[in-house]
Amino acid sequence: MLVCSCNFISEKEIVDVINDLLDQDRWQLIVPAKVYHAMEKRGRCCGCFPNVVDIIIRTTERYHAERHSTDAEIFDFMIRLKQFHEDNRRADIERRQKSNRAA
Protein backbone atom coordinates (compact mmCIF):
# COMPACT_ATOMS: atom_id res chain seq x y z
CA MET A 1 0.00 0.00 0.00
CA LEU A 2 1.29 3.46 -0.91
CA VAL A 3 1.59 5.62 2.22
CA CYS A 4 3.38 8.70 0.90
CA SER A 5 2.43 9.76 -2.61
CA CYS A 6 4.91 12.67 -2.59
CA ASN A 7 7.90 10.32 -2.21
CA PHE A 8 6.28 7.09 -3.46
CA ILE A 9 6.91 5.23 -0.19
CA SER A 10 5.07 2.00 0.53
CA GLU A 11 4.03 0.64 3.91
CA LYS A 12 6.48 -2.27 3.52
CA GLU A 13 9.39 0.15 3.09
CA ILE A 14 8.39 2.01 6.25
CA VAL A 15 7.99 -1.22 8.23
CA ASP A 16 11.42 -2.44 7.06
CA VAL A 17 13.08 0.83 8.13
CA ILE A 18 11.33 0.75 11.54
CA ASN A 19 12.48 -2.84 12.11
CA ASP A 20 16.05 -1.89 11.14
CA LEU A 21 15.97 1.04 13.58
CA LEU A 22 14.60 -1.21 16.33
CA ASP A 23 17.33 -3.78 15.63
CA GLN A 24 19.90 -1.04 16.29
CA ASP A 25 18.25 0.04 19.57
CA ARG A 26 14.99 -1.64 20.43
CA TRP A 27 14.00 1.08 22.92
CA GLN A 28 14.68 4.19 20.88
CA LEU A 29 11.97 6.73 20.20
CA ILE A 30 10.96 6.52 16.54
CA VAL A 31 9.15 9.41 14.88
CA PRO A 32 8.23 9.98 11.21
CA ALA A 33 11.16 12.35 10.66
CA LYS A 34 13.60 9.66 11.84
CA VAL A 35 12.04 7.11 9.47
CA TYR A 36 12.20 9.50 6.52
CA HIS A 37 15.79 10.46 7.38
CA ALA A 38 16.79 6.78 7.41
CA MET A 39 15.25 6.44 3.93
CA GLU A 40 17.03 9.65 2.83
CA LYS A 41 13.67 11.27 2.06
CA ARG A 42 11.91 14.43 3.24
CA GLY A 43 8.36 14.97 4.33
CA ARG A 44 6.97 17.31 1.70
CA CYS A 45 3.31 17.93 2.43
CA CYS A 46 3.50 15.79 5.63
CA GLY A 47 -0.08 14.61 5.12
CA CYS A 48 1.15 11.04 5.49
CA PHE A 49 2.69 11.57 8.94
CA PRO A 50 -0.43 10.52 10.91
CA ASN A 51 -0.48 7.24 8.94
CA VAL A 52 3.26 6.80 9.48
CA VAL A 53 2.73 7.25 13.24
CA ASP A 54 0.09 4.50 13.16
CA ILE A 55 2.51 2.23 11.28
CA ILE A 56 5.27 3.00 13.79
CA ILE A 57 3.00 2.10 16.71
CA ARG A 58 1.77 -1.15 15.12
CA THR A 59 5.24 -2.22 14.01
CA THR A 60 6.86 -1.40 17.37
CA GLU A 61 4.16 -3.28 19.29
CA ARG A 62 4.56 -6.30 17.01
CA TYR A 63 8.36 -6.12 17.30
CA HIS A 64 8.28 -6.21 21.10
CA ALA A 65 5.56 -8.87 21.24
CA GLU A 66 7.64 -11.17 19.03
CA ARG A 67 10.70 -10.67 21.24
CA HIS A 68 8.85 -11.07 24.54
CA SER A 69 10.08 -7.84 26.11
CA THR A 70 10.19 -7.94 29.90
CA ASP A 71 8.72 -5.46 32.36
CA ALA A 72 12.22 -4.47 33.48
CA GLU A 73 13.13 -3.47 29.91
CA ILE A 74 9.91 -1.49 29.53
CA PHE A 75 10.54 0.29 32.83
CA ASP A 76 14.09 1.19 31.73
CA PHE A 77 12.69 2.61 28.49
CA MET A 78 10.18 4.75 30.41
CA ILE A 79 13.03 6.19 32.52
CA ARG A 80 15.00 6.99 29.36
CA LEU A 81 11.94 8.61 27.76
CA LYS A 82 11.29 10.72 30.86
CA GLN A 83 14.94 11.84 30.89
CA PHE A 84 14.68 12.75 27.19
CA HIS A 85 11.65 14.94 27.90
CA GLU A 86 13.37 16.61 30.87
CA ASP A 87 16.48 17.39 28.80
CA ASN A 88 14.40 18.90 26.01
CA ARG A 89 12.27 20.91 28.43
CA ARG A 90 15.41 22.39 30.02
CA ALA A 91 16.74 23.29 26.57
CA ASP A 92 13.45 25.04 25.72
CA ILE A 93 13.55 27.04 28.94
CA GLU A 94 17.16 28.08 28.35
CA ARG A 95 16.29 29.33 24.84
CA ARG A 96 13.57 31.66 26.11
CA GLN A 97 14.57 35.23 26.67
CA LYS A 98 12.63 37.83 28.62
CA SER A 99 13.14 40.41 25.88
CA ASN A 100 11.18 38.24 23.40
CA ARG A 101 8.03 37.94 25.49
CA ALA A 102 4.88 39.52 24.11
CA ALA A 103 3.42 40.96 27.31
PDB file of N, CA and C in Angstrom:
ATOM      1  N   MET A   1       0.839  -1.171   0.000  1.00  0.00           N
ATOM      2  CA  MET A   1       0.000   0.000   0.000  1.00  0.00           C
ATOM      3  C   MET A   1       0.894   1.248   0.000  1.00  0.00           C
ATOM      4  N   LEU A   2       0.547   2.205  -0.818  1.00  0.00           N
ATOM      5  CA  LEU A   2       1.288   3.456  -0.911  1.00  0.00           C
ATOM      6  C   LEU A   2       0.888   4.370   0.246  1.00  0.00           C
ATOM      7  N   VAL A   3       1.858   4.769   1.055  1.00  0.00           N
ATOM      8  CA  VAL A   3       1.591   5.617   2.219  1.00  0.00           C
ATOM      9  C   VAL A   3       1.870   7.071   1.890  1.00  0.00           C
ATOM     10  N   CYS A   4       2.984   7.331   1.232  1.00  0.00           N
ATOM     11  CA  CYS A   4       3.382   8.696   0.898  1.00  0.00           C
ATOM     12  C   CYS A   4       3.416   8.837  -0.616  1.00  0.00           C
ATOM     13  N   SER A   5       2.466   9.591  -1.161  1.00  0.00           N
ATOM     14  CA  SER A   5       2.426   9.761  -2.610  1.00  0.00           C
ATOM     15  C   SER A   5       3.443  10.793  -3.089  1.00  0.00           C
ATOM     16  N   CYS A   6       3.891  11.672  -2.203  1.00  0.00           N
ATOM     17  CA  CYS A   6       4.905  12.668  -2.589  1.00  0.00           C
ATOM     18  C   CYS A   6       6.253  11.994  -2.888  1.00  0.00           C
ATOM     19  N   ASN A   7       6.609  10.995  -2.076  1.00  0.00           N
ATOM     20  CA  ASN A   7       7.900  10.317  -2.213  1.00  0.00           C
ATOM     21  C   ASN A   7       7.770   8.894  -2.738  1.00  0.00           C
ATOM     22  N   PHE A   8       6.548   8.452  -3.006  1.00  0.00           N
ATOM     23  CA  PHE A   8       6.283   7.087  -3.458  1.00  0.00           C
ATOM     24  C   PHE A   8       6.869   6.055  -2.495  1.00  0.00           C
ATOM     25  N   ILE A   9       6.429   6.134  -1.238  1.00  0.00           N
ATOM     26  CA  ILE A   9       6.905   5.233  -0.194  1.00  0.00           C
ATOM     27  C   ILE A   9       5.774   4.292   0.180  1.00  0.00           C
ATOM     28  N   SER A  10       6.079   3.001   0.188  1.00  0.00           N
ATOM     29  CA  SER A  10       5.072   2.000   0.527  1.00  0.00           C
ATOM     30  C   SER A  10       5.133   1.668   2.021  1.00  0.00           C
ATOM     31  N   GLU A  11       4.079   1.044   2.497  1.00  0.00           N
ATOM     32  CA  GLU A  11       4.028   0.641   3.908  1.00  0.00           C
ATOM     33  C   GLU A  11       5.142  -0.356   4.225  1.00  0.00           C
ATOM     34  N   LYS A  12       5.426  -1.273   3.298  1.00  0.00           N
ATOM     35  CA  LYS A  12       6.478  -2.267   3.523  1.00  0.00           C
ATOM     36  C   LYS A  12       7.839  -1.600   3.717  1.00  0.00           C
ATOM     37  N   GLU A  13       8.126  -0.569   2.945  1.00  0.00           N
ATOM     38  CA  GLU A  13       9.392   0.148   3.092  1.00  0.00           C
ATOM     39  C   GLU A  13       9.492   0.788   4.476  1.00  0.00           C
ATOM     40  N   ILE A  14       8.406   1.381   4.929  1.00  0.00           N
ATOM     41  CA  ILE A  14       8.394   2.015   6.248  1.00  0.00           C
ATOM     42  C   ILE A  14       8.580   0.982   7.340  1.00  0.00           C
ATOM     43  N   VAL A  15       7.876  -0.149   7.236  1.00  0.00           N
ATOM     44  CA  VAL A  15       7.992  -1.218   8.232  1.00  0.00           C
ATOM     45  C   VAL A  15       9.420  -1.753   8.274  1.00  0.00           C
ATOM     46  N   ASP A  16      10.036  -1.937   7.109  1.00  0.00           N
ATOM     47  CA  ASP A  16      11.415  -2.437   7.062  1.00  0.00           C
ATOM     48  C   ASP A  16      12.380  -1.472   7.751  1.00  0.00           C
ATOM     49  N   VAL A  17      12.209  -0.175   7.512  1.00  0.00           N
ATOM     50  CA  VAL A  17      13.076   0.833   8.134  1.00  0.00           C
ATOM     51  C   VAL A  17      12.869   0.835   9.652  1.00  0.00           C
ATOM     52  N   ILE A  18      11.623   0.759  10.095  1.00  0.00           N
ATOM     53  CA  ILE A  18      11.333   0.746  11.536  1.00  0.00           C
ATOM     54  C   ILE A  18      11.981  -0.468  12.183  1.00  0.00           C
ATOM     55  N   ASN A  19      11.860  -1.635  11.556  1.00  0.00           N
ATOM     56  CA  ASN A  19      12.482  -2.840  12.106  1.00  0.00           C
ATOM     57  C   ASN A  19      14.001  -2.719  12.149  1.00  0.00           C
ATOM     58  N   ASP A  20      14.596  -2.110  11.131  1.00  0.00           N
ATOM     59  CA  ASP A  20      16.052  -1.889  11.138  1.00  0.00           C
ATOM     60  C   ASP A  20      16.453  -0.961  12.285  1.00  0.00           C
ATOM     61  N   LEU A  21      15.673   0.111  12.480  1.00  0.00           N
ATOM     62  CA  LEU A  21      15.968   1.037  13.582  1.00  0.00           C
ATOM     63  C   LEU A  21      15.833   0.332  14.934  1.00  0.00           C
ATOM     64  N   LEU A  22      14.805  -0.491  15.073  1.00  0.00           N
ATOM     65  CA  LEU A  22      14.605  -1.208  16.332  1.00  0.00           C
ATOM     66  C   LEU A  22      15.686  -2.255  16.553  1.00  0.00           C
ATOM     67  N   ASP A  23      16.213  -2.839  15.485  1.00  0.00           N
ATOM     68  CA  ASP A  23      17.328  -3.780  15.630  1.00  0.00           C
ATOM     69  C   ASP A  23      18.575  -3.077  16.158  1.00  0.00           C
ATOM     70  N   GLN A  24      18.760  -1.804  15.799  1.00  0.00           N
ATOM     71  CA  GLN A  24      19.904  -1.036  16.292  1.00  0.00           C
ATOM     72  C   GLN A  24      19.749  -0.724  17.774  1.00  0.00           C
ATOM     73  N   ASP A  25      18.559  -0.258  18.167  1.00  0.00           N
ATOM     74  CA  ASP A  25      18.254   0.044  19.569  1.00  0.00           C
ATOM     75  C   ASP A  25      16.763  -0.167  19.747  1.00  0.00           C
ATOM     76  N   ARG A  26      16.398  -1.262  20.375  1.00  0.00           N
ATOM     77  CA  ARG A  26      14.988  -1.637  20.428  1.00  0.00           C
ATOM     78  C   ARG A  26      14.147  -0.738  21.311  1.00  0.00           C
ATOM     79  N   TRP A  27      14.761   0.191  22.039  1.00  0.00           N
ATOM     80  CA  TRP A  27      14.001   1.078  22.916  1.00  0.00           C
ATOM     81  C   TRP A  27      14.133   2.545  22.521  1.00  0.00           C
ATOM     82  N   GLN A  28      14.566   2.801  21.304  1.00  0.00           N
ATOM     83  CA  GLN A  28      14.677   4.189  20.880  1.00  0.00           C
ATOM     84  C   GLN A  28      13.301   4.749  20.518  1.00  0.00           C
ATOM     85  N   LEU A  29      13.197   6.046  20.563  1.00  0.00           N
ATOM     86  CA  LEU A  29      11.966   6.732  20.198  1.00  0.00           C
ATOM     87  C   LEU A  29      11.995   6.965  18.688  1.00  0.00           C
ATOM     88  N   ILE A  30      11.012   6.402  17.996  1.00  0.00           N
ATOM     89  CA  ILE A  30      10.959   6.519  16.540  1.00  0.00           C
ATOM     90  C   ILE A  30       9.814   7.450  16.167  1.00  0.00           C
ATOM     91  N   VAL A  31      10.131   8.435  15.362  1.00  0.00           N
ATOM     92  CA  VAL A  31       9.150   9.409  14.878  1.00  0.00           C
ATOM     93  C   VAL A  31       9.229   9.429  13.347  1.00  0.00           C
ATOM     94  N   PRO A  32       8.202   9.970  12.671  1.00  0.00           N
ATOM     95  CA  PRO A  32       8.230   9.979  11.210  1.00  0.00           C
ATOM     96  C   PRO A  32       9.486  10.615  10.610  1.00  0.00           C
ATOM     97  N   ALA A  33       9.971  11.695  11.200  1.00  0.00           N
ATOM     98  CA  ALA A  33      11.164  12.351  10.660  1.00  0.00           C
ATOM     99  C   ALA A  33      12.374  11.420  10.690  1.00  0.00           C
ATOM    100  N   LYS A  34      12.482  10.603  11.733  1.00  0.00           N
ATOM    101  CA  LYS A  34      13.603   9.662  11.836  1.00  0.00           C
ATOM    102  C   LYS A  34      13.485   8.582  10.757  1.00  0.00           C
ATOM    103  N   VAL A  35      12.272   8.125  10.504  1.00  0.00           N
ATOM    104  CA  VAL A  35      12.039   7.111   9.470  1.00  0.00           C
ATOM    105  C   VAL A  35      12.397   7.678   8.095  1.00  0.00           C
ATOM    106  N   TYR A  36      11.917   8.878   7.821  1.00  0.00           N
ATOM    107  CA  TYR A  36      12.199   9.500   6.524  1.00  0.00           C
ATOM    108  C   TYR A  36      13.697   9.779   6.369  1.00  0.00           C
ATOM    109  N   HIS A  37      14.344  10.206   7.434  1.00  0.00           N
ATOM    110  CA  HIS A  37      15.786  10.462   7.380  1.00  0.00           C
ATOM    111  C   HIS A  37      16.538   9.173   7.061  1.00  0.00           C
ATOM    112  N   ALA A  38      16.128   8.072   7.670  1.00  0.00           N
ATOM    113  CA  ALA A  38      16.785   6.783   7.414  1.00  0.00           C
ATOM    114  C   ALA A  38      16.599   6.354   5.958  1.00  0.00           C
ATOM    115  N   MET A  39      15.499   6.764   5.337  1.00  0.00           N
ATOM    116  CA  MET A  39      15.254   6.440   3.931  1.00  0.00           C
ATOM    117  C   MET A  39      15.835   7.498   2.994  1.00  0.00           C
ATOM    118  N   GLU A  40      16.471   8.524   3.586  1.00  0.00           N
ATOM    119  CA  GLU A  40      17.031   9.646   2.833  1.00  0.00           C
ATOM    120  C   GLU A  40      15.957  10.356   2.011  1.00  0.00           C
ATOM    121  N   LYS A  41      14.805  10.554   2.666  1.00  0.00           N
ATOM    122  CA  LYS A  41      13.669  11.268   2.059  1.00  0.00           C
ATOM    123  C   LYS A  41      13.293  12.423   2.975  1.00  0.00           C
ATOM    124  N   ARG A  42      12.425  13.305   2.459  1.00  0.00           N
ATOM    125  CA  ARG A  42      11.914  14.425   3.243  1.00  0.00           C
ATOM    126  C   ARG A  42      10.397  14.391   3.213  1.00  0.00           C
ATOM    127  N   GLY A  43       9.802  14.787   4.328  1.00  0.00           N
ATOM    128  CA  GLY A  43       8.361  14.969   4.326  1.00  0.00           C
ATOM    129  C   GLY A  43       8.057  16.231   3.542  1.00  0.00           C
ATOM    130  N   ARG A  44       7.262  16.128   2.517  1.00  0.00           N
ATOM    131  CA  ARG A  44       6.974  17.307   1.699  1.00  0.00           C
ATOM    132  C   ARG A  44       5.694  17.973   2.173  1.00  0.00           C
ATOM    133  N   CYS A  45       4.560  17.328   1.960  1.00  0.00           N
ATOM    134  CA  CYS A  45       3.308  17.930   2.433  1.00  0.00           C
ATOM    135  C   CYS A  45       2.995  17.462   3.859  1.00  0.00           C
ATOM    136  N   CYS A  46       3.629  16.374   4.285  1.00  0.00           N
ATOM    137  CA  CYS A  46       3.498  15.792   5.631  1.00  0.00           C
ATOM    138  C   CYS A  46       2.082  15.308   5.930  1.00  0.00           C
ATOM    139  N   GLY A  47       1.257  15.158   4.930  1.00  0.00           N
ATOM    140  CA  GLY A  47      -0.080  14.614   5.121  1.00  0.00           C
ATOM    141  C   GLY A  47      -0.060  13.144   5.483  1.00  0.00           C
ATOM    142  N   CYS A  48       1.035  12.468   5.197  1.00  0.00           N
ATOM    143  CA  CYS A  48       1.152  11.040   5.488  1.00  0.00           C
ATOM    144  C   CYS A  48       1.623  10.770   6.917  1.00  0.00           C
ATOM    145  N   PHE A  49       2.107  11.780   7.613  1.00  0.00           N
ATOM    146  CA  PHE A  49       2.691  11.565   8.937  1.00  0.00           C
ATOM    147  C   PHE A  49       1.741  10.894   9.928  1.00  0.00           C
ATOM    148  N   PRO A  50       0.454  11.248   9.985  1.00  0.00           N
ATOM    149  CA  PRO A  50      -0.428  10.515  10.905  1.00  0.00           C
ATOM    150  C   PRO A  50      -0.486   9.014  10.594  1.00  0.00           C
ATOM    151  N   ASN A  51      -0.496   8.661   9.306  1.00  0.00           N
ATOM    152  CA  ASN A  51      -0.481   7.243   8.935  1.00  0.00           C
ATOM    153  C   ASN A  51       0.851   6.594   9.294  1.00  0.00           C
ATOM    154  N   VAL A  52       1.940   7.330   9.126  1.00  0.00           N
ATOM    155  CA  VAL A  52       3.264   6.800   9.476  1.00  0.00           C
ATOM    156  C   VAL A  52       3.334   6.557  10.988  1.00  0.00           C
ATOM    157  N   VAL A  53       2.761   7.448  11.782  1.00  0.00           N
ATOM    158  CA  VAL A  53       2.734   7.255  13.241  1.00  0.00           C
ATOM    159  C   VAL A  53       1.983   5.970  13.578  1.00  0.00           C
ATOM    160  N   ASP A  54       0.848   5.737  12.930  1.00  0.00           N
ATOM    161  CA  ASP A  54       0.093   4.501  13.163  1.00  0.00           C
ATOM    162  C   ASP A  54       0.918   3.276  12.796  1.00  0.00           C
ATOM    163  N   ILE A  55       1.654   3.343  11.697  1.00  0.00           N
ATOM    164  CA  ILE A  55       2.507   2.226  11.278  1.00  0.00           C
ATOM    165  C   ILE A  55       3.633   2.023  12.283  1.00  0.00           C
ATOM    166  N   ILE A  56       4.213   3.103  12.785  1.00  0.00           N
ATOM    167  CA  ILE A  56       5.274   3.001  13.791  1.00  0.00           C
ATOM    168  C   ILE A  56       4.748   2.303  15.033  1.00  0.00           C
ATOM    169  N   ILE A  57       3.569   2.696  15.495  1.00  0.00           N
ATOM    170  CA  ILE A  57       2.997   2.097  16.705  1.00  0.00           C
ATOM    171  C   ILE A  57       2.737   0.613  16.486  1.00  0.00           C
ATOM    172  N   ARG A  58       2.074   0.258  15.393  1.00  0.00           N
ATOM    173  CA  ARG A  58       1.765  -1.155  15.120  1.00  0.00           C
ATOM    174  C   ARG A  58       3.032  -1.988  14.998  1.00  0.00           C
ATOM    175  N   THR A  59       4.000  -1.474  14.248  1.00  0.00           N
ATOM    176  CA  THR A  59       5.241  -2.219  14.008  1.00  0.00           C
ATOM    177  C   THR A  59       6.041  -2.384  15.296  1.00  0.00           C
ATOM    178  N   THR A  60       6.116  -1.334  16.110  1.00  0.00           N
ATOM    179  CA  THR A  60       6.860  -1.401  17.371  1.00  0.00           C
ATOM    180  C   THR A  60       6.198  -2.377  18.333  1.00  0.00           C
ATOM    181  N   GLU A  61       4.866  -2.332  18.425  1.00  0.00           N
ATOM    182  CA  GLU A  61       4.159  -3.283  19.293  1.00  0.00           C
ATOM    183  C   GLU A  61       4.403  -4.712  18.838  1.00  0.00           C
ATOM    184  N   ARG A  62       4.327  -4.958  17.548  1.00  0.00           N
ATOM    185  CA  ARG A  62       4.564  -6.303  17.014  1.00  0.00           C
ATOM    186  C   ARG A  62       6.005  -6.742  17.273  1.00  0.00           C
ATOM    187  N   TYR A  63       6.940  -5.821  17.090  1.00  0.00           N
ATOM    188  CA  TYR A  63       8.361  -6.118  17.300  1.00  0.00           C
ATOM    189  C   TYR A  63       8.602  -6.589  18.734  1.00  0.00           C
ATOM    190  N   HIS A  64       8.059  -5.850  19.698  1.00  0.00           N
ATOM    191  CA  HIS A  64       8.278  -6.206  21.098  1.00  0.00           C
ATOM    192  C   HIS A  64       7.491  -7.446  21.508  1.00  0.00           C
ATOM    193  N   ALA A  65       6.341  -7.665  20.931  1.00  0.00           N
ATOM    194  CA  ALA A  65       5.564  -8.867  21.242  1.00  0.00           C
ATOM    195  C   ALA A  65       6.289 -10.116  20.748  1.00  0.00           C
ATOM    196  N   GLU A  66       6.911 -10.029  19.579  1.00  0.00           N
ATOM    197  CA  GLU A  66       7.644 -11.173  19.029  1.00  0.00           C
ATOM    198  C   GLU A  66       8.912 -11.473  19.825  1.00  0.00           C
ATOM    199  N   ARG A  67       9.457 -10.480  20.492  1.00  0.00           N
ATOM    200  CA  ARG A  67      10.702 -10.666  21.242  1.00  0.00           C
ATOM    201  C   ARG A  67      10.473 -10.806  22.741  1.00  0.00           C
ATOM    202  N   HIS A  68       9.230 -10.869  23.138  1.00  0.00           N
ATOM    203  CA  HIS A  68       8.848 -11.072  24.539  1.00  0.00           C
ATOM    204  C   HIS A  68       9.603 -10.132  25.477  1.00  0.00           C
ATOM    205  N   SER A  69       9.429  -8.846  25.278  1.00  0.00           N
ATOM    206  CA  SER A  69      10.078  -7.839  26.113  1.00  0.00           C
ATOM    207  C   SER A  69       9.593  -7.958  27.556  1.00  0.00           C
ATOM    208  N   THR A  70      10.521  -7.793  28.482  1.00  0.00           N
ATOM    209  CA  THR A  70      10.185  -7.936  29.897  1.00  0.00           C
ATOM    210  C   THR A  70       9.776  -6.605  30.502  1.00  0.00           C
ATOM    211  N   ASP A  71       9.137  -6.679  31.668  1.00  0.00           N
ATOM    212  CA  ASP A  71       8.723  -5.459  32.362  1.00  0.00           C
ATOM    213  C   ASP A  71       9.922  -4.600  32.750  1.00  0.00           C
ATOM    214  N   ALA A  72      11.029  -5.224  33.095  1.00  0.00           N
ATOM    215  CA  ALA A  72      12.224  -4.469  33.479  1.00  0.00           C
ATOM    216  C   ALA A  72      12.733  -3.634  32.299  1.00  0.00           C
ATOM    217  N   GLU A  73      12.687  -4.210  31.093  1.00  0.00           N
ATOM    218  CA  GLU A  73      13.130  -3.470  29.909  1.00  0.00           C
ATOM    219  C   GLU A  73      12.183  -2.317  29.614  1.00  0.00           C
ATOM    220  N   ILE A  74      10.891  -2.544  29.772  1.00  0.00           N
ATOM    221  CA  ILE A  74       9.907  -1.492  29.529  1.00  0.00           C
ATOM    222  C   ILE A  74      10.093  -0.372  30.537  1.00  0.00           C
ATOM    223  N   PHE A  75      10.336  -0.712  31.791  1.00  0.00           N
ATOM    224  CA  PHE A  75      10.544   0.288  32.833  1.00  0.00           C
ATOM    225  C   PHE A  75      11.785   1.119  32.527  1.00  0.00           C
ATOM    226  N   ASP A  76      12.869   0.471  32.094  1.00  0.00           N
ATOM    227  CA  ASP A  76      14.091   1.188  31.734  1.00  0.00           C
ATOM    228  C   ASP A  76      13.821   2.155  30.587  1.00  0.00           C
ATOM    229  N   PHE A  77      13.031   1.740  29.611  1.00  0.00           N
ATOM    230  CA  PHE A  77      12.689   2.611  28.492  1.00  0.00           C
ATOM    231  C   PHE A  77      11.913   3.828  28.972  1.00  0.00           C
ATOM    232  N   MET A  78      10.982   3.635  29.901  1.00  0.00           N
ATOM    233  CA  MET A  78      10.182   4.751  30.407  1.00  0.00           C
ATOM    234  C   MET A  78      11.077   5.753  31.135  1.00  0.00           C
ATOM    235  N   ILE A  79      12.079   5.289  31.851  1.00  0.00           N
ATOM    236  CA  ILE A  79      13.026   6.187  32.520  1.00  0.00           C
ATOM    237  C   ILE A  79      13.809   6.984  31.472  1.00  0.00           C
ATOM    238  N   ARG A  80      14.268   6.307  30.426  1.00  0.00           N
ATOM    239  CA  ARG A  80      14.999   6.990  29.358  1.00  0.00           C
ATOM    240  C   ARG A  80      14.128   8.012  28.659  1.00  0.00           C
ATOM    241  N   LEU A  81      12.861   7.683  28.417  1.00  0.00           N
ATOM    242  CA  LEU A  81      11.942   8.607  27.763  1.00  0.00           C
ATOM    243  C   LEU A  81      11.680   9.830  28.637  1.00  0.00           C
ATOM    244  N   LYS A  82      11.515   9.614  29.932  1.00  0.00           N
ATOM    245  CA  LYS A  82      11.295  10.722  30.859  1.00  0.00           C
ATOM    246  C   LYS A  82      12.523  11.637  30.892  1.00  0.00           C
ATOM    247  N   GLN A  83      13.711  11.062  30.897  1.00  0.00           N
ATOM    248  CA  GLN A  83      14.942  11.845  30.886  1.00  0.00           C
ATOM    249  C   GLN A  83      15.054  12.657  29.598  1.00  0.00           C
ATOM    250  N   PHE A  84      14.671  12.062  28.477  1.00  0.00           N
ATOM    251  CA  PHE A  84      14.679  12.749  27.192  1.00  0.00           C
ATOM    252  C   PHE A  84      13.777  13.973  27.238  1.00  0.00           C
ATOM    253  N   HIS A  85      12.581  13.810  27.790  1.00  0.00           N
ATOM    254  CA  HIS A  85      11.647  14.942  27.898  1.00  0.00           C
ATOM    255  C   HIS A  85      12.193  16.025  28.824  1.00  0.00           C
ATOM    256  N   GLU A  86      12.794  15.636  29.934  1.00  0.00           N
ATOM    257  CA  GLU A  86      13.369  16.610  30.867  1.00  0.00           C
ATOM    258  C   GLU A  86      14.491  17.406  30.202  1.00  0.00           C
ATOM    259  N   ASP A  87      15.366  16.718  29.483  1.00  0.00           N
ATOM    260  CA  ASP A  87      16.476  17.394  28.803  1.00  0.00           C
ATOM    261  C   ASP A  87      15.963  18.395  27.769  1.00  0.00           C
ATOM    262  N   ASN A  88      14.953  17.999  27.018  1.00  0.00           N
ATOM    263  CA  ASN A  88      14.396  18.899  26.006  1.00  0.00           C
ATOM    264  C   ASN A  88      13.661  20.068  26.641  1.00  0.00           C
ATOM    265  N   ARG A  89      12.991  19.836  27.758  1.00  0.00           N
ATOM    266  CA  ARG A  89      12.272  20.913  28.428  1.00  0.00           C
ATOM    267  C   ARG A  89      13.262  21.945  28.961  1.00  0.00           C
ATOM    268  N   ARG A  90      14.368  21.478  29.538  1.00  0.00           N
ATOM    269  CA  ARG A  90      15.405  22.394  30.024  1.00  0.00           C
ATOM    270  C   ARG A  90      15.987  23.207  28.879  1.00  0.00           C
ATOM    271  N   ALA A  91      16.196  22.578  27.734  1.00  0.00           N
ATOM    272  CA  ALA A  91      16.743  23.288  26.574  1.00  0.00           C
ATOM    273  C   ALA A  91      15.764  24.353  26.093  1.00  0.00           C
ATOM    274  N   ASP A  92      14.464  24.051  26.119  1.00  0.00           N
ATOM    275  CA  ASP A  92      13.454  25.045  25.720  1.00  0.00           C
ATOM    276  C   ASP A  92      13.457  26.232  26.664  1.00  0.00           C
ATOM    277  N   ILE A  93      13.547  25.969  27.950  1.00  0.00           N
ATOM    278  CA  ILE A  93      13.546  27.041  28.945  1.00  0.00           C
ATOM    279  C   ILE A  93      14.781  27.922  28.774  1.00  0.00           C
ATOM    280  N   GLU A  94      15.930  27.316  28.516  1.00  0.00           N
ATOM    281  CA  GLU A  94      17.164  28.080  28.351  1.00  0.00           C
ATOM    282  C   GLU A  94      17.127  28.954  27.103  1.00  0.00           C
ATOM    283  N   ARG A  95      16.379  28.548  26.066  1.00  0.00           N
ATOM    284  CA  ARG A  95      16.292  29.331  24.836  1.00  0.00           C
ATOM    285  C   ARG A  95      15.397  30.558  24.983  1.00  0.00           C
ATOM    286  N   ARG A  96      14.490  30.539  25.935  1.00  0.00           N
ATOM    287  CA  ARG A  96      13.572  31.663  26.109  1.00  0.00           C
ATOM    288  C   ARG A  96      14.313  32.861  26.688  1.00  0.00           C
ATOM    289  N   GLN A  97      13.979  34.005  26.154  1.00  0.00           N
ATOM    290  CA  GLN A  97      14.571  35.230  26.666  1.00  0.00           C
ATOM    291  C   GLN A  97      13.447  36.182  27.059  1.00  0.00           C
ATOM    292  N   LYS A  98      13.654  36.895  28.136  1.00  0.00           N
ATOM    293  CA  LYS A  98      12.628  37.827  28.619  1.00  0.00           C
ATOM    294  C   LYS A  98      12.333  38.904  27.600  1.00  0.00           C
ATOM    295  N   SER A  99      13.325  39.322  26.837  1.00  0.00           N
ATOM    296  CA  SER A  99      13.138  40.409  25.883  1.00  0.00           C
ATOM    297  C   SER A  99      12.234  40.003  24.718  1.00  0.00           C
ATOM    298  N   ASN A 100      12.014  38.687  24.509  1.00  0.00           N
ATOM    299  CA  ASN A 100      11.180  38.238  23.400  1.00  0.00           C
ATOM    300  C   ASN A 100       9.733  37.981  23.815  1.00  0.00           C
ATOM    301  N   ARG A 101       9.393  38.197  25.046  1.00  0.00           N
ATOM    302  CA  ARG A 101       8.026  37.939  25.492  1.00  0.00           C
ATOM    303  C   ARG A 101       7.087  39.005  24.984  1.00  0.00           C
ATOM    304  N   ALA A 102       5.854  38.620  24.719  1.00  0.00           N
ATOM    305  CA  ALA A 102       4.875  39.516  24.108  1.00  0.00           C
ATOM    306  C   ALA A 102       4.209  40.441  25.105  1.00  0.00           C
ATOM    307  N   ALA A 103       4.169  40.113  26.379  1.00  0.00           N
ATOM    308  CA  ALA A 103       3.418  40.963  27.312  1.00  0.00           C
ATOM    309  C   ALA A 103       4.248  41.483  28.440  1.00  0.00           C
TER     310      ALA A 103
END
